[in-house]
Amino acid sequence: MSFKHLIVESWSITVHKQRGFTLIELLVVIAIIALLMGILMPALQRVRKQARTVYCLSSLKQIGIAMTAYAFENDDFIPRALDHKVKWLLVFMPYLGNEYRDSEDYREVDIYQCPSFPRNGIGANGHSNAEQTVDYVVNAWDMKDPGLSNGNEGNQQDEPSKLGNIKSPALRIYMADNEAGEWRPIVRDRYELDDMSRFNILDVWSSTHLPASDGTTGVGNLHRRVARSRHRGDGCNNLFFDGHADWLHKDKNTSRYWCGDELP
């Protein structure tokens, strides 16, 4: 065989070896990739959801630390109802680290924003949930006189409380995930915070505010305020008076955890 024939044959073999994928081979590869994505996506979504839950619990624990630090410097008193002049969103900022020590706008505090709060959808007055700046509601229940048998199924306490006077603080919720719905107000700035606070709609002091309640319109301001389904199914995250944070199922998140009593 001549040298010329060897070169031609070698070139033919090289071209044959470097041919591209056939259409069938490409379709098989695409199908395998699609199958793998279908298997992995649910797992990735679960991981992302768990990460948001952990972030929210961590944020609540930081708020709990701020609550304790505030009490230490204020004769053991902590804020309760947001309609009082001592609002937890504002007075806790100096205790959340140097980053927020000199801040004047509570909207700058990242840990006040729950990553799992549903930003899609519409709240009261046609405002978008994406504009919500108050992602948590606070316990304003009168623990000395819960009022579970009255028409409102609860009594409110406006004034701050002494942290040391809270009985069983590990079993009493101080703060919880704020519900999202067309009946819930959207608080967009400090002006609206002050305005909405006057109507006591950012506080929890009635069984109608709890996640098991079906009140989505209610009478006056007795609608549901604590999130029914947040983070992992039928329940939400909660900060307790002792500073720890935990998730509770909606059926367990009853008045016993808020005022110490159950409905008669």
Protein backbone atom coordinates (compact mmCIF):
# COMPACT_ATOMS: atom_id res chain seq x y z
CA MET A 1 0.00 0.00 0.00
CA SER A 2 1.36 3.36 -1.03
CA PHE A 3 2.00 6.21 1.38
CA LYS A 4 -0.84 8.17 -0.28
CA HIS A 5 -3.32 5.35 0.35
CA LEU A 6 -2.26 5.15 4.01
CA ILE A 7 -2.93 8.87 4.49
CA VAL A 8 -6.37 8.61 2.86
CA GLU A 9 -7.33 5.57 4.94
CA SER A 10 -6.11 7.21 8.17
CA TRP A 11 -8.13 10.35 7.36
CA SER A 12 -11.25 8.23 6.70
CA ILE A 13 -10.92 6.46 10.06
CA THR A 14 -10.46 9.79 11.88
CA VAL A 15 -13.56 11.29 10.23
CA HIS A 16 -15.57 8.19 11.11
CA LYS A 17 -14.48 8.37 14.75
CA GLN A 18 -15.34 12.10 15.03
CA ARG A 19 -18.92 11.86 13.72
CA GLY A 20 -21.63 13.64 15.86
CA PHE A 21 -24.47 12.17 17.88
CA THR A 22 -27.47 10.90 16.03
CA LEU A 23 -30.90 12.40 16.66
CA ILE A 24 -31.98 9.32 18.61
CA GLU A 25 -28.89 9.51 20.83
CA LEU A 26 -29.57 13.20 21.56
CA LEU A 27 -33.21 12.46 22.42
CA VAL A 28 -32.12 9.69 24.80
CA VAL A 29 -29.70 12.06 26.57
CA ILE A 30 -32.38 14.76 26.85
CA ALA A 31 -34.85 12.23 28.22
CA ILE A 32 -32.34 11.08 30.86
CA ILE A 33 -31.62 14.69 31.89
CA ALA A 34 -35.36 15.42 32.13
CA LEU A 35 -35.86 12.29 34.25
CA LEU A 36 -33.04 13.28 36.60
CA MET A 37 -34.42 16.81 36.92
CA GLY A 38 -37.86 15.41 37.71
CA ILE A 39 -36.32 13.32 40.48
CA LEU A 40 -34.09 16.08 41.87
CA MET A 41 -36.43 19.10 41.73
CA PRO A 42 -38.79 17.97 44.54
CA ALA A 43 -35.77 17.24 46.73
CA LEU A 44 -34.25 20.65 45.96
CA GLN A 45 -37.56 22.36 46.73
CA ARG A 46 -37.75 20.56 50.07
CA VAL A 47 -34.21 21.66 50.89
CA ARG A 48 -35.03 25.28 50.01
CA LYS A 49 -38.19 25.17 52.12
CA GLN A 50 -36.29 23.69 55.06
CA ALA A 51 -33.63 26.39 54.68
CA ARG A 52 -36.30 29.12 54.85
CA THR A 53 -37.79 27.49 57.94
CA VAL A 54 -34.40 27.36 59.67
CA TYR A 55 -33.72 31.00 58.72
CA CYS A 56 -37.07 32.09 60.17
CA LEU A 57 -36.50 30.17 63.40
CA SER A 58 -33.03 31.71 63.67
CA SER A 59 -34.52 35.18 63.15
CA LEU A 60 -37.11 34.58 65.85
CA LYS A 61 -34.37 33.44 68.24
CA GLN A 62 -32.47 36.67 67.55
CA ILE A 63 -35.63 38.63 68.29
CA GLY A 64 -35.89 36.59 71.49
CA ILE A 65 -32.37 37.64 72.46
CA ALA A 66 -33.31 41.26 71.78
CA MET A 67 -36.43 40.83 73.92
CA THR A 68 -34.36 39.55 76.84
CA ALA A 69 -31.75 42.31 76.44
CA TYR A 70 -34.47 44.95 76.30
CA ALA A 71 -36.05 43.56 79.48
CA PHE A 72 -32.66 43.63 81.22
CA GLU A 73 -32.31 47.36 80.57
CA ASN A 74 -35.97 48.27 81.19
CA ASP A 75 -36.75 46.94 84.65
CA ASP A 76 -37.77 43.54 83.21
CA PHE A 77 -40.59 45.04 81.10
CA ILE A 78 -41.21 43.90 77.52
CA PRO A 79 -43.65 45.38 74.96
CA ARG A 80 -46.92 43.61 74.28
CA ALA A 81 -49.65 45.17 72.10
CA LEU A 82 -48.42 47.11 69.08
CA ASP A 83 -51.04 49.79 69.66
CA HIS A 84 -49.06 50.88 72.72
CA LYS A 85 -46.36 53.52 72.25
CA VAL A 86 -43.70 50.89 73.06
CA LYS A 87 -43.68 48.87 69.82
CA TRP A 88 -41.47 45.78 69.71
CA LEU A 89 -40.53 46.42 66.05
CA LEU A 90 -38.97 49.74 67.04
CA VAL A 91 -37.56 49.26 70.51
CA PHE A 92 -35.81 45.95 69.77
CA MET A 93 -33.66 47.35 66.94
CA PRO A 94 -30.77 48.58 69.15
CA TYR A 95 -30.48 45.06 70.59
CA LEU A 96 -30.15 43.25 67.27
CA GLY A 97 -26.47 44.04 66.77
CA ASN A 98 -24.37 47.00 65.68
CA GLU A 99 -25.82 46.84 62.18
CA TYR A 100 -29.18 48.13 63.42
CA ARG A 101 -28.13 50.02 66.54
CA ASP A 102 -28.52 53.44 64.94
CA SER A 103 -31.22 52.52 62.44
CA GLU A 104 -34.43 54.54 62.49
CA ASP A 105 -36.41 52.52 59.95
CA TYR A 106 -37.61 49.08 61.08
CA ARG A 107 -37.89 48.06 57.41
CA GLU A 108 -34.09 47.90 57.25
CA VAL A 109 -34.02 44.98 59.70
CA ASP A 110 -33.67 41.85 57.59
CA ILE A 111 -34.63 39.43 60.35
CA TYR A 112 -38.02 41.09 60.65
CA GLN A 113 -38.79 39.66 57.20
CA CYS A 114 -39.78 36.00 57.08
CA PRO A 115 -38.51 34.38 53.84
CA SER A 116 -41.58 32.13 53.75
CA PHE A 117 -44.15 34.90 54.00
CA PRO A 118 -46.20 34.56 50.79
CA ARG A 119 -45.28 37.60 48.72
CA ASN A 120 -47.77 36.74 46.02
CA GLY A 121 -51.45 37.48 46.46
CA ILE A 122 -53.39 40.48 47.72
CA GLY A 123 -54.12 41.68 51.24
CA ALA A 124 -56.66 44.15 52.58
CA ASN A 125 -57.51 47.24 50.53
CA GLY A 126 -56.07 45.64 47.40
CA HIS A 127 -52.44 46.01 48.51
CA SER A 128 -49.90 43.42 47.42
CA ASN A 129 -48.54 40.95 49.96
CA ALA A 130 -45.11 41.74 48.52
CA GLU A 131 -45.27 45.10 50.33
CA GLN A 132 -45.85 43.61 53.78
CA THR A 133 -43.25 44.76 56.36
CA VAL A 134 -44.77 43.14 59.48
CA ASP A 135 -44.34 39.39 59.13
CA TYR A 136 -44.98 38.53 62.79
CA VAL A 137 -47.83 39.14 65.23
CA VAL A 138 -47.31 39.63 68.97
CA ASN A 139 -49.05 38.24 72.05
CA ALA A 140 -51.24 40.93 73.64
CA TRP A 141 -53.45 38.54 75.61
CA ASP A 142 -54.39 39.52 79.16
CA MET A 143 -53.08 36.47 81.02
CA LYS A 144 -54.62 37.54 84.34
CA ASP A 145 -58.07 37.84 82.79
CA PRO A 146 -58.06 35.87 79.49
CA GLY A 147 -61.79 36.45 78.87
CA LEU A 148 -62.30 33.28 76.86
CA SER A 149 -65.98 33.14 77.81
CA ASN A 150 -66.86 36.62 76.62
CA GLY A 151 -68.18 37.56 73.17
CA ASN A 152 -64.71 38.31 71.79
CA GLU A 153 -63.30 35.07 73.22
CA GLY A 154 -60.42 36.98 74.75
CA ASN A 155 -59.23 40.16 76.48
CA GLN A 156 -56.42 42.43 75.34
CA GLN A 157 -53.59 43.89 77.41
CA ASP A 158 -52.03 47.04 76.02
CA GLU A 159 -49.40 47.78 78.66
CA PRO A 160 -45.95 46.15 78.73
CA SER A 161 -45.47 43.13 81.00
CA LYS A 162 -42.66 42.05 83.26
CA LEU A 163 -40.92 39.12 81.66
CA GLY A 164 -40.37 37.52 85.04
CA ASN A 165 -44.11 37.50 85.73
CA ILE A 166 -44.92 35.32 82.72
CA LYS A 167 -45.85 31.88 84.05
CA SER A 168 -44.33 28.90 82.24
CA PRO A 169 -42.48 31.09 79.69
CA ALA A 170 -41.33 28.02 77.74
CA LEU A 171 -45.00 27.24 77.06
CA ARG A 172 -46.22 30.76 76.28
CA ILE A 173 -45.90 32.19 72.78
CA TYR A 174 -44.66 35.75 72.48
CA MET A 175 -44.65 36.05 68.70
CA ALA A 176 -45.78 34.01 65.67
CA ASP A 177 -45.97 34.09 61.88
CA ASN A 178 -48.42 36.68 60.58
CA GLU A 179 -51.24 35.30 58.44
CA ALA A 180 -51.60 36.37 54.80
CA GLY A 181 -54.99 36.79 53.18
CA GLU A 182 -57.32 39.28 51.58
CA TRP A 183 -58.60 40.24 55.04
CA ARG A 184 -55.15 40.94 56.52
CA PRO A 185 -53.78 44.51 56.44
CA ILE A 186 -50.57 45.27 54.55
CA VAL A 187 -48.28 47.52 56.57
CA ARG A 188 -45.91 49.30 54.20
CA ASP A 189 -44.19 51.93 56.36
CA ARG A 190 -44.02 53.57 59.79
CA TYR A 191 -47.06 55.73 59.10
CA GLU A 192 -49.21 52.71 58.29
CA LEU A 193 -47.71 50.84 61.25
CA ASP A 194 -48.97 53.56 63.60
CA ASP A 195 -52.30 53.73 61.81
CA MET A 196 -52.94 49.97 61.78
CA SER A 197 -51.78 49.58 65.37
CA ARG A 198 -54.60 51.77 66.61
CA PHE A 199 -57.07 49.13 65.43
CA ASN A 200 -55.31 46.33 67.39
CA ILE A 201 -55.05 44.15 64.29
CA LEU A 202 -51.37 43.23 64.63
CA ASP A 203 -51.81 41.64 68.06
CA VAL A 204 -53.14 38.27 69.25
CA TRP A 205 -55.64 38.32 72.12
CA SER A 206 -58.60 36.17 71.04
CA SER A 207 -59.17 32.54 70.07
CA THR A 208 -60.55 33.86 66.78
CA HIS A 209 -57.02 35.07 65.97
CA LEU A 210 -55.47 31.62 66.26
CA PRO A 211 -54.57 29.36 63.30
CA ALA A 212 -57.36 26.82 63.90
CA SER A 213 -59.94 29.60 63.58
CA ASP A 214 -62.00 29.74 60.39
CA GLY A 215 -62.42 33.51 60.71
CA THR A 216 -61.23 35.11 57.49
CA THR A 217 -63.60 38.03 57.61
CA GLY A 218 -64.95 37.97 61.14
CA VAL A 219 -66.77 40.68 63.01
CA GLY A 220 -64.71 43.82 63.56
CA ASN A 221 -61.12 42.67 64.02
CA LEU A 222 -61.74 39.11 65.22
CA HIS A 223 -60.39 37.39 62.11
CA ARG A 224 -57.47 34.91 61.99
CA ARG A 225 -54.05 36.52 62.52
CA VAL A 226 -51.66 33.66 63.25
CA ALA A 227 -50.60 31.81 60.08
CA ARG A 228 -52.41 28.54 59.56
CA SER A 229 -49.99 27.02 57.06
CA ARG A 230 -46.41 28.26 56.93
CA HIS A 231 -43.02 26.58 56.51
CA ARG A 232 -44.09 22.91 56.63
CA GLY A 233 -47.76 22.24 56.35
CA ASP A 234 -50.55 23.10 58.74
CA GLY A 235 -48.72 25.20 61.31
CA CYS A 236 -46.25 28.05 61.82
CA ASN A 237 -43.13 29.19 63.65
CA ASN A 238 -43.39 30.74 67.11
CA LEU A 239 -41.13 32.60 69.53
CA PHE A 240 -41.71 31.78 73.20
CA PHE A 241 -41.24 34.05 76.19
CA ASP A 242 -38.17 32.07 77.30
CA GLY A 243 -36.45 32.93 74.00
CA HIS A 244 -36.65 29.61 72.17
CA ALA A 245 -38.44 29.21 68.83
CA ASP A 246 -40.35 26.25 67.47
CA TRP A 247 -42.91 25.19 64.89
CA LEU A 248 -46.39 24.16 66.08
CA HIS A 249 -49.23 22.45 64.25
CA LYS A 250 -52.32 24.64 63.96
CA ASP A 251 -54.40 22.25 66.08
CA LYS A 252 -51.89 22.45 68.92
CA ASN A 253 -51.44 26.21 68.68
CA THR A 254 -54.32 26.96 71.03
CA SER A 255 -55.08 29.61 73.65
CA ARG A 256 -53.19 27.52 76.21
CA TYR A 257 -49.94 28.62 74.54
CA TRP A 258 -51.03 32.26 74.45
CA CYS A 259 -52.80 33.00 77.72
CA GLY A 260 -52.49 29.79 79.72
CA ASP A 261 -56.19 28.86 79.51
CA GLU A 262 -58.33 26.84 77.12
CA LEU A 263 -61.83 27.63 75.94
CA PRO A 264 -64.44 26.39 78.46
